[in-house]
Protein backbone atom coordinates (compact mmCIF):
# COMPACT_ATOMS: atom_id res chain seq x y z
CA MET A 1 -35.42 26.35 24.79
CA GLU A 2 -33.65 23.66 26.79
CA VAL A 3 -36.29 21.10 25.81
CA LYS A 4 -35.79 21.96 22.16
CA PHE A 5 -32.04 21.54 22.53
CA GLN A 6 -32.41 18.05 23.98
CA THR A 7 -35.00 17.02 21.38
CA LEU A 8 -32.83 18.14 18.47
CA GLU A 9 -29.77 16.45 19.95
CA ALA A 10 -31.71 13.22 20.42
CA GLU A 11 -32.91 13.43 16.82
CA ILE A 12 -29.35 13.82 15.54
CA GLU A 13 -28.09 10.90 17.61
CA ALA A 14 -30.97 8.74 16.42
CA ASP A 15 -29.87 9.35 12.82
CA SER A 16 -26.33 8.21 13.63
CA ASN A 17 -25.23 4.79 12.44
CA ASP A 18 -23.06 4.24 15.51
CA LEU A 19 -24.41 1.14 17.24
CA ILE A 20 -22.60 1.91 20.47
CA MET A 21 -25.46 4.02 21.79
CA HIS A 22 -27.96 1.35 20.60
CA PRO A 23 -26.27 -1.97 21.53
CA HIS A 24 -29.44 -3.97 20.78
CA ASP A 25 -30.39 -2.04 17.66
CA ASP A 26 -30.75 -4.43 14.72
CA LYS A 27 -32.13 -1.89 12.24
CA PRO A 28 -30.96 -2.50 8.67
CA ARG A 29 -28.48 0.11 7.47
CA PRO A 30 -28.30 -0.35 3.69
CA TYR A 31 -27.02 3.13 2.77
CA LEU A 32 -23.21 3.37 2.64
CA CYS A 33 -21.12 6.52 2.47
CA THR A 34 -18.29 5.63 0.09
CA VAL A 35 -16.11 8.42 1.44
CA CYS A 36 -15.83 7.52 5.13
CA ASP A 37 -17.25 3.97 5.34
CA LYS A 38 -20.31 4.78 7.50
CA TRP A 39 -23.72 3.13 7.08
CA PHE A 40 -27.16 4.78 7.52
CA THR A 41 -30.74 3.63 8.04
CA THR A 42 -32.27 6.05 5.51
CA LYS A 43 -31.20 7.72 2.31
CA GLY A 44 -32.05 11.10 3.86
CA SER A 45 -29.58 10.53 6.69
CA LEU A 46 -26.94 9.53 4.14
CA ASN A 47 -27.58 12.65 2.04
CA GLU A 48 -27.29 14.93 5.08
CA HIS A 49 -24.10 13.16 6.13
CA THR A 50 -22.61 13.42 2.61
CA ARG A 51 -22.65 17.20 2.90
CA ARG A 52 -19.79 16.86 5.39
CA HIS A 53 -17.57 15.74 2.56
CA THR A 54 -18.49 18.64 0.28
CA GLU A 55 -18.00 22.37 0.74
CA GLU A 56 -21.54 22.95 2.01
CA TYR A 57 -20.49 24.06 5.49
CA LEU A 58 -23.15 26.68 6.28
CA TYR A 59 -23.02 26.74 10.09
CA THR A 60 -20.07 28.34 11.88
CA CYS A 61 -19.04 27.98 15.53
CA MET A 62 -18.76 31.42 17.20
CA HIS A 63 -15.99 30.15 19.51
CA CYS A 64 -13.53 28.49 17.12
CA GLU A 65 -14.93 29.31 13.63
CA LYS A 66 -15.17 25.63 12.73
CA ARG A 67 -17.86 25.08 10.07
CA PHE A 68 -20.55 22.37 9.84
CA ALA A 69 -22.97 20.99 7.27
CA SER A 70 -26.03 21.10 9.55
CA GLN A 71 -27.32 23.00 12.56
CA GLY A 72 -27.52 19.75 14.49
CA ASN A 73 -23.81 19.08 14.00
CA LEU A 74 -23.04 22.61 15.19
CA ILE A 75 -25.17 22.15 18.32
CA GLN A 76 -23.35 18.92 19.13
CA HIS A 77 -20.01 20.64 18.59
CA MET A 78 -21.02 23.49 20.96
CA ASN A 79 -21.15 20.94 23.79
CA ILE A 80 -17.36 20.74 23.60
CA HIS A 81 -17.10 24.44 24.46
CA THR A 82 -19.82 24.39 27.15
CA GLY A 83 -18.45 21.24 28.78
CA ARG A 84 -21.86 19.60 28.80
CA HIS A 85 -20.34 16.12 28.26
CA LYS A 86 -17.08 16.27 30.20
CA CYS A 87 -14.97 13.32 31.37
CA THR A 88 -14.55 13.34 35.16
CA GLU A 89 -11.23 11.47 34.84
CA CYS A 90 -9.26 13.78 32.55
CA GLY A 91 -11.51 16.76 31.81
CA THR A 92 -11.91 16.03 28.09
CA SER A 93 -15.11 17.51 26.63
CA CYS A 94 -17.10 15.49 24.08
CA ALA A 95 -19.76 16.53 21.59
CA ASN A 96 -22.39 14.10 22.90
CA SER A 97 -23.05 11.39 25.44
CA THR A 98 -22.13 8.67 22.94
CA GLN A 99 -18.65 10.07 22.39
CA LEU A 100 -18.22 10.51 26.14
CA SER A 101 -19.21 6.88 26.71
CA ILE A 102 -16.65 5.76 24.12
CA HIS A 103 -13.99 8.04 25.59
CA ARG A 104 -14.48 6.64 29.11
CA ARG A 105 -13.49 3.22 27.81
CA SER A 106 -9.97 4.57 27.26
CA HIS A 107 -9.75 4.87 31.06
CA SER A 108 -11.56 1.66 32.00
CA GLY A 109 -10.13 -0.54 29.25
CA GLU A 110 -13.64 -1.82 28.52
CA LYS A 111 -14.05 -3.53 25.14
CA PRO A 112 -17.64 -4.76 24.93
CA PHE A 113 -17.63 -5.74 21.23
CA GLU A 114 -16.16 -9.17 20.47
CA CYS A 115 -15.36 -10.71 17.07
CA SER A 116 -17.31 -13.95 16.71
CA VAL A 117 -14.55 -15.45 14.53
CA CYS A 118 -11.27 -14.76 16.33
CA GLY A 119 -12.42 -13.45 19.73
CA LYS A 120 -10.62 -10.11 19.45
CA ARG A 121 -12.41 -7.36 21.38
CA PHE A 122 -13.03 -3.71 20.54
CA ALA A 123 -14.25 -0.55 22.28
CA ARG A 124 -16.43 0.50 19.33
CA SER A 125 -18.91 -1.39 17.19
CA ASP A 126 -17.79 0.31 13.97
CA THR A 127 -14.20 -0.77 14.67
CA LEU A 128 -15.46 -4.33 15.06
CA ALA A 129 -17.39 -4.01 11.80
CA ARG A 130 -14.24 -2.94 9.94
CA HIS A 131 -12.23 -5.73 11.58
CA SER A 132 -14.83 -8.32 10.55
CA ARG A 133 -13.99 -7.74 6.88
CA ILE A 134 -10.67 -9.51 7.52
CA HIS A 135 -12.65 -12.73 7.87
CA SER A 136 -15.00 -11.98 4.98
CA GLU A 137 -14.60 -12.04 1.21
CA GLN A 138 -16.99 -9.08 0.87
CA LYS A 139 -15.49 -6.17 -1.09
CA LEU A 140 -17.68 -3.08 -0.77
CA PHE A 141 -15.47 -0.48 -2.40
CA LYS A 142 -15.41 -0.60 -6.19
CA CYS A 143 -13.26 1.44 -8.57
CA ASN A 144 -15.39 3.39 -11.06
CA GLU A 145 -12.56 3.32 -13.62
CA CYS A 146 -11.67 -0.37 -13.88
CA GLY A 147 -14.23 -2.18 -11.74
CA LYS A 148 -11.69 -3.63 -9.29
CA ALA A 149 -13.15 -4.03 -5.79
CA PHE A 150 -11.52 -3.69 -2.37
CA LYS A 151 -12.34 -4.48 1.25
CA TRP A 152 -11.09 -1.14 2.53
CA LEU A 153 -11.82 2.42 1.48
CA LYS A 154 -8.19 3.40 2.04
CA THR A 155 -7.04 0.66 -0.34
CA LEU A 156 -9.43 1.95 -3.01
CA GLN A 157 -8.18 5.53 -2.50
CA THR A 158 -4.58 4.33 -2.92
CA HIS A 159 -5.58 2.31 -6.00
CA MET A 160 -7.20 5.37 -7.63
CA ARG A 161 -3.73 6.92 -7.94
CA VAL A 162 -3.04 4.32 -10.65
CA HIS A 163 -5.66 6.10 -12.77
CA THR A 164 -5.00 9.69 -11.70
CA GLY A 165 -1.21 9.47 -11.69
CA GLU A 166 -1.13 11.23 -8.32
CA LYS A 167 2.14 10.80 -6.41
CA PRO A 168 1.82 12.75 -3.15
CA TYR A 169 4.85 11.26 -1.38
CA LYS A 170 7.98 13.19 -2.40
CA CYS A 171 11.53 12.14 -1.61
CA SER A 172 13.39 14.79 0.37
CA LEU A 173 16.72 13.64 -1.07
CA CYS A 174 15.89 13.69 -4.80
CA ASP A 175 13.14 14.76 -7.19
CA LYS A 176 11.23 11.47 -7.27
CA SER A 177 7.64 11.12 -6.06
CA PHE A 178 5.61 8.03 -5.19
CA SER A 179 1.99 6.98 -4.89
CA GLN A 180 2.46 5.24 -1.53
CA SER A 181 4.41 6.05 1.62
CA ALA A 182 5.75 2.49 1.82
CA ILE A 183 7.25 2.75 -1.69
CA LEU A 184 8.91 6.06 -0.73
CA GLN A 185 10.49 4.45 2.34
CA LEU A 186 11.70 1.52 0.23
CA HIS A 187 13.18 3.99 -2.28
CA LYS A 188 15.07 5.81 0.46
CA ARG A 189 16.53 2.57 1.81
CA ARG A 190 17.60 1.27 -1.59
CA VAL A 191 18.81 4.46 -3.25
CA HIS A 192 19.92 6.84 -0.49
CA SER A 193 20.98 4.52 2.34
CA ASN A 194 23.87 2.08 2.73
CA LYS A 195 22.36 0.40 5.80
CA ARG A 196 21.99 -3.36 5.48
CA PRO A 197 20.64 -4.74 8.77
CA HIS A 198 19.63 -8.20 7.50
CA GLN A 199 22.43 -10.81 7.46
CA CYS A 200 22.38 -14.15 5.62
CA PRO A 201 23.01 -17.03 8.09
CA TYR A 202 24.72 -19.08 5.37
CA CYS A 203 27.27 -16.71 3.77
CA GLU A 204 27.11 -13.68 6.14
CA LYS A 205 26.15 -11.25 3.36
CA TRP A 206 24.05 -8.26 4.39
CA PHE A 207 20.81 -6.98 2.81
CA GLN A 208 18.68 -3.85 3.10
CA THR A 209 15.35 -5.63 3.54
CA ASN A 210 14.17 -8.93 4.95
CA THR A 211 12.50 -9.67 1.60
CA GLU A 212 15.84 -9.38 -0.21
CA LEU A 213 17.39 -11.71 2.36
CA LYS A 214 14.65 -14.31 1.84
CA HIS A 215 15.13 -14.20 -1.93
CA HIS A 216 18.89 -14.56 -1.50
CA ALA A 217 18.60 -17.47 0.98
CA ILE A 218 16.91 -19.59 -1.72
CA VAL A 219 20.33 -19.76 -3.44
CA HIS A 220 21.66 -21.71 -0.44
CA THR A 221 18.62 -23.85 0.36
CA ASP A 222 17.44 -24.51 -3.22
CA ALA A 223 13.90 -24.04 -1.89
CA LYS A 224 11.06 -23.74 -4.40
CA PRO A 225 8.07 -22.57 -2.36
CA TYR A 226 5.84 -21.64 -5.33
CA SER A 227 4.04 -24.57 -6.95
CA CYS A 228 2.00 -24.64 -10.15
CA ARG A 229 -1.63 -25.70 -9.62
CA GLN A 230 -1.78 -27.04 -13.18
CA CYS A 231 1.25 -29.34 -13.04
CA SER A 232 3.93 -30.51 -10.62
CA ASP A 233 6.50 -27.80 -11.40
CA ARG A 234 7.81 -25.65 -8.55
CA PHE A 235 9.61 -22.29 -8.61
CA ARG A 236 11.88 -20.11 -6.52
CA SER A 237 9.88 -16.91 -6.95
CA LEU A 238 6.34 -15.77 -7.61
CA ASP A 239 7.48 -14.03 -10.81
CA GLN A 240 8.84 -17.33 -12.13
CA LEU A 241 5.52 -19.02 -11.38
CA LYS A 242 3.54 -16.26 -13.15
CA ARG A 243 5.74 -16.55 -16.22
CA HIS A 244 5.31 -20.32 -16.22
CA LEU A 245 1.49 -20.07 -15.96
CA LEU A 246 1.37 -17.63 -18.86
CA LYS A 247 3.79 -19.45 -21.15
CA SER A 248 2.88 -23.06 -20.35
CA HIS A 249 -0.80 -22.93 -19.40
CA ASP A 250 -1.99 -19.65 -20.96
CA GLU A 251 -3.25 -18.57 -17.52
CA GLY A 252 -3.09 -14.90 -16.64
CA THR A 253 -2.89 -11.67 -18.62
CA TRP A 254 -0.10 -10.53 -20.90
CA PHE A 255 0.72 -6.83 -21.00
CA THR A 256 1.18 -5.99 -24.69
CA CYS A 257 2.97 -2.97 -26.15
CA ASP A 258 0.62 -1.04 -28.47
CA ILE A 259 3.55 0.02 -30.64
CA CYS A 260 5.53 -3.17 -31.31
CA GLU A 261 3.15 -5.80 -29.80
CA LYS A 262 5.87 -7.21 -27.57
CA LYS A 263 4.34 -9.00 -24.57
CA PHE A 264 5.33 -8.70 -20.91
CA VAL A 265 4.40 -10.60 -17.76
CA LYS A 266 4.29 -7.51 -15.54
CA ARG A 267 2.79 -4.05 -16.12
CA SER A 268 5.98 -2.44 -14.74
CA GLU A 269 8.04 -4.20 -17.44
CA LEU A 270 5.73 -2.85 -20.16
CA LYS A 271 5.86 0.65 -18.65
CA GLN A 272 9.66 0.61 -18.76
CA HIS A 273 9.70 -0.82 -22.29
CA VAL A 274 7.46 1.96 -23.69
CA ARG A 275 10.13 4.52 -22.83
CA VAL A 276 12.24 3.08 -25.64
CA HIS A 277 9.58 4.07 -28.20
CA ILE A 278 8.72 7.52 -26.89
CA ASP A 279 12.29 8.45 -25.91
CA ALA A 280 11.13 9.25 -22.38
CA LYS A 281 13.87 10.23 -19.94
CA PRO A 282 12.22 10.70 -16.53
CA TYR A 283 15.42 10.46 -14.48
CA SER A 284 17.25 13.82 -14.33
CA CYS A 285 20.59 14.62 -12.74
CA ARG A 286 20.27 17.30 -10.07
CA HIS A 287 23.85 18.48 -10.75
CA CYS A 288 23.64 18.97 -14.51
CA SER A 289 21.05 18.99 -17.28
CA ILE A 290 21.43 15.36 -18.40
CA SER A 291 18.37 13.08 -18.26
CA PHE A 292 18.18 9.29 -18.54
CA THR A 293 15.70 6.60 -19.53
CA TRP A 294 16.51 4.26 -16.64
CA SER A 295 17.24 4.86 -12.95
CA GLY A 296 20.33 2.66 -13.25
CA GLN A 297 21.75 4.99 -15.91
CA LEU A 298 21.30 7.98 -13.58
CA LYS A 299 22.92 6.10 -10.71
CA ALA A 300 25.90 5.21 -12.89
CA HIS A 301 26.19 8.85 -14.05
CA LEU A 302 26.14 10.18 -10.47
CA LEU A 303 28.91 7.77 -9.45
CA LYS A 304 31.15 8.32 -12.48
CA SER A 305 30.61 12.04 -13.10
CA HIS A 306 29.83 13.51 -9.68
CA ASN A 307 31.30 10.92 -7.28
CA GLU A 308 27.89 10.64 -5.58
CA GLY A 309 26.83 7.27 -4.21
CA THR A 310 28.60 4.09 -3.17
CA TRP A 311 30.56 1.66 -5.31
CA PHE A 312 30.12 -2.04 -4.63
CA MET A 313 33.58 -3.63 -4.47
CA CYS A 314 34.48 -7.29 -4.86
CA ASP A 315 36.42 -8.55 -1.80
CA ILE A 316 38.40 -10.99 -3.95
CA CYS A 317 39.56 -9.00 -6.99
CA GLU A 318 38.60 -5.44 -5.88
CA LYS A 319 36.63 -4.82 -9.06
CA LYS A 320 34.00 -2.09 -8.57
CA PHE A 321 30.34 -2.24 -9.56
CA ILE A 322 27.51 0.27 -9.65
CA THR A 323 24.82 -2.01 -8.19
CA GLY A 324 24.76 -4.75 -5.61
CA THR A 325 23.17 -7.05 -8.17
CA ASP A 326 26.13 -6.61 -10.52
CA LEU A 327 28.52 -7.41 -7.67
CA LYS A 328 26.46 -10.45 -6.67
CA ASN A 329 26.46 -11.80 -10.22
CA HIS A 330 30.21 -11.16 -10.46
CA SER A 331 30.86 -13.02 -7.19
CA TYR A 332 29.22 -16.13 -8.59
CA GLN A 333 32.11 -16.40 -11.05
CA HIS A 334 34.58 -16.64 -8.16
CA GLU A 335 32.41 -19.15 -6.32
CA ALA A 336 31.56 -21.13 -9.47
CA MET A 337 27.88 -20.74 -8.56
CA LYS A 338 25.08 -20.78 -11.13
CA PRO A 339 21.91 -19.99 -9.18
CA TYR A 340 19.75 -19.09 -12.21
CA VAL A 341 18.24 -22.36 -13.44
CA CYS A 342 16.24 -22.72 -16.63
CA ASN A 343 12.69 -24.01 -16.08
CA GLU A 344 12.69 -25.74 -19.46
CA CYS A 345 15.99 -27.63 -19.31
CA PRO A 346 18.71 -28.50 -16.72
CA LYS A 347 21.07 -25.65 -17.70
CA SER A 348 22.01 -23.02 -15.10
CA PHE A 349 23.70 -19.62 -15.33
CA CYS A 350 25.60 -17.08 -13.23
CA THR A 351 23.35 -14.15 -14.04
CA ALA A 352 19.67 -13.51 -14.68
CA ALA A 353 20.56 -11.73 -17.94
CA THR A 354 22.35 -14.81 -19.28
CA LEU A 355 19.39 -16.98 -18.34
CA LYS A 356 17.00 -14.56 -20.07
CA SER A 357 19.12 -14.71 -23.21
CA HIS A 358 19.10 -18.51 -23.04
CA HIS A 359 15.27 -18.57 -22.77
CA ARG A 360 15.09 -17.46 -26.41
CA VAL A 361 16.24 -20.94 -27.39
CA HIS A 362 12.99 -22.35 -26.03
CA PHE A 363 10.48 -19.62 -26.88
CA HIS A 364 11.60 -18.31 -30.28
C-alpha cells in the first residue's frame, strides 16, 4: 500500500507544471489554464486541473471536510494532516516535497530563479515567469467580448466588469459601488474626506492626491509634457493631446451618441451625456427621496438642504462654493490668472467652462 501511495504521488507531481521540482526540465507546456495562469504539458493534465475551478469536487477529506477534484489531490492534501512533509524550522506541514522545498526558502532566503533582463531573483519559477511578462509585449489573456488582450489574468478579470456591469466594491459611507478597489478609495478621499496632504510648493495650496497636485503645478510652471507625434504642438494634459489628435489629425476613436450623434473624446463623457436623453438619475439622497442626474447636483443638495459636507470658502471675499474646482476658478479672478489656454489661438480664460464655450468659435 505504501508503494502505491508513493507511485501515485509521484505521478501527480510529474503532471504539475511547477518547474521548481524539475529545475532542468525544458518540456514544452503549451496548454494554459485561463483561470489561474498555470501551464501544462498535456491537454489531459489541463482538463484534470480545470476541474478544480468547477464544482466537480468529488473527494472529501475526513479530517477537515475540504473537497478535491481528484483522488491524487486528496492524497497530497492528507500529507498536511499526517505531517509527512513537515518543516523542521517552524513545524508547518506541506502537501508534498515540492511545497516543503519552496517553504524552506522562506527561512533560508534562497532565491534560485533570476530574471535574465533585470537581475531580480525569485524563490519560485512560476513567480519569475509572471514577472518576465513585465519585459515582454506578450498578452496571453484575451477578452471574449471585445477582443482586448492583457498581460495579466487579474487585469482581464477586472476588465470583464466593463461588460458585466459588476461593481463589487461598495462604499460604506454612501450607496455607491465601484468596479475596482482603487476607484472606491479615490471616491472616499474625494467625496467623504477633507484631508489634503499634498501641498503646492508655489502657492501653498493643498490637494487630496499627488495627481491633482501635479495637474495644478502646471499652472505655475507652464509645463506642457504631452507632445503630438504628428506635429510640434505640446499640451498640458493627456486629455488635451487626445482631443487634438482627434480633431486635428483624425487619430483615435470618437464615442458617438446613438440618439443625437453628438461625439465625445472619452467614453465617460458619452456615458454622462446619455443620461440627458433617458432621464436617468442614479444619484439618490439618503435623507429624502430626491434623485439627481449628476453627482455634483447631489452634493449641492446635501450641502444646501441637509447641511452635509464642506463648503469651500474664498479667503479673500468669503464667498462659498460647493466644489474645490469652483473655488479655484473663482480665485483666478482675484489673481487675474487665466490658466486655460486655447490650443487654436492665443486667447486664455479663467475657467475650463469658458474655454469650452470659446472652442465653438473654431469648431462650429
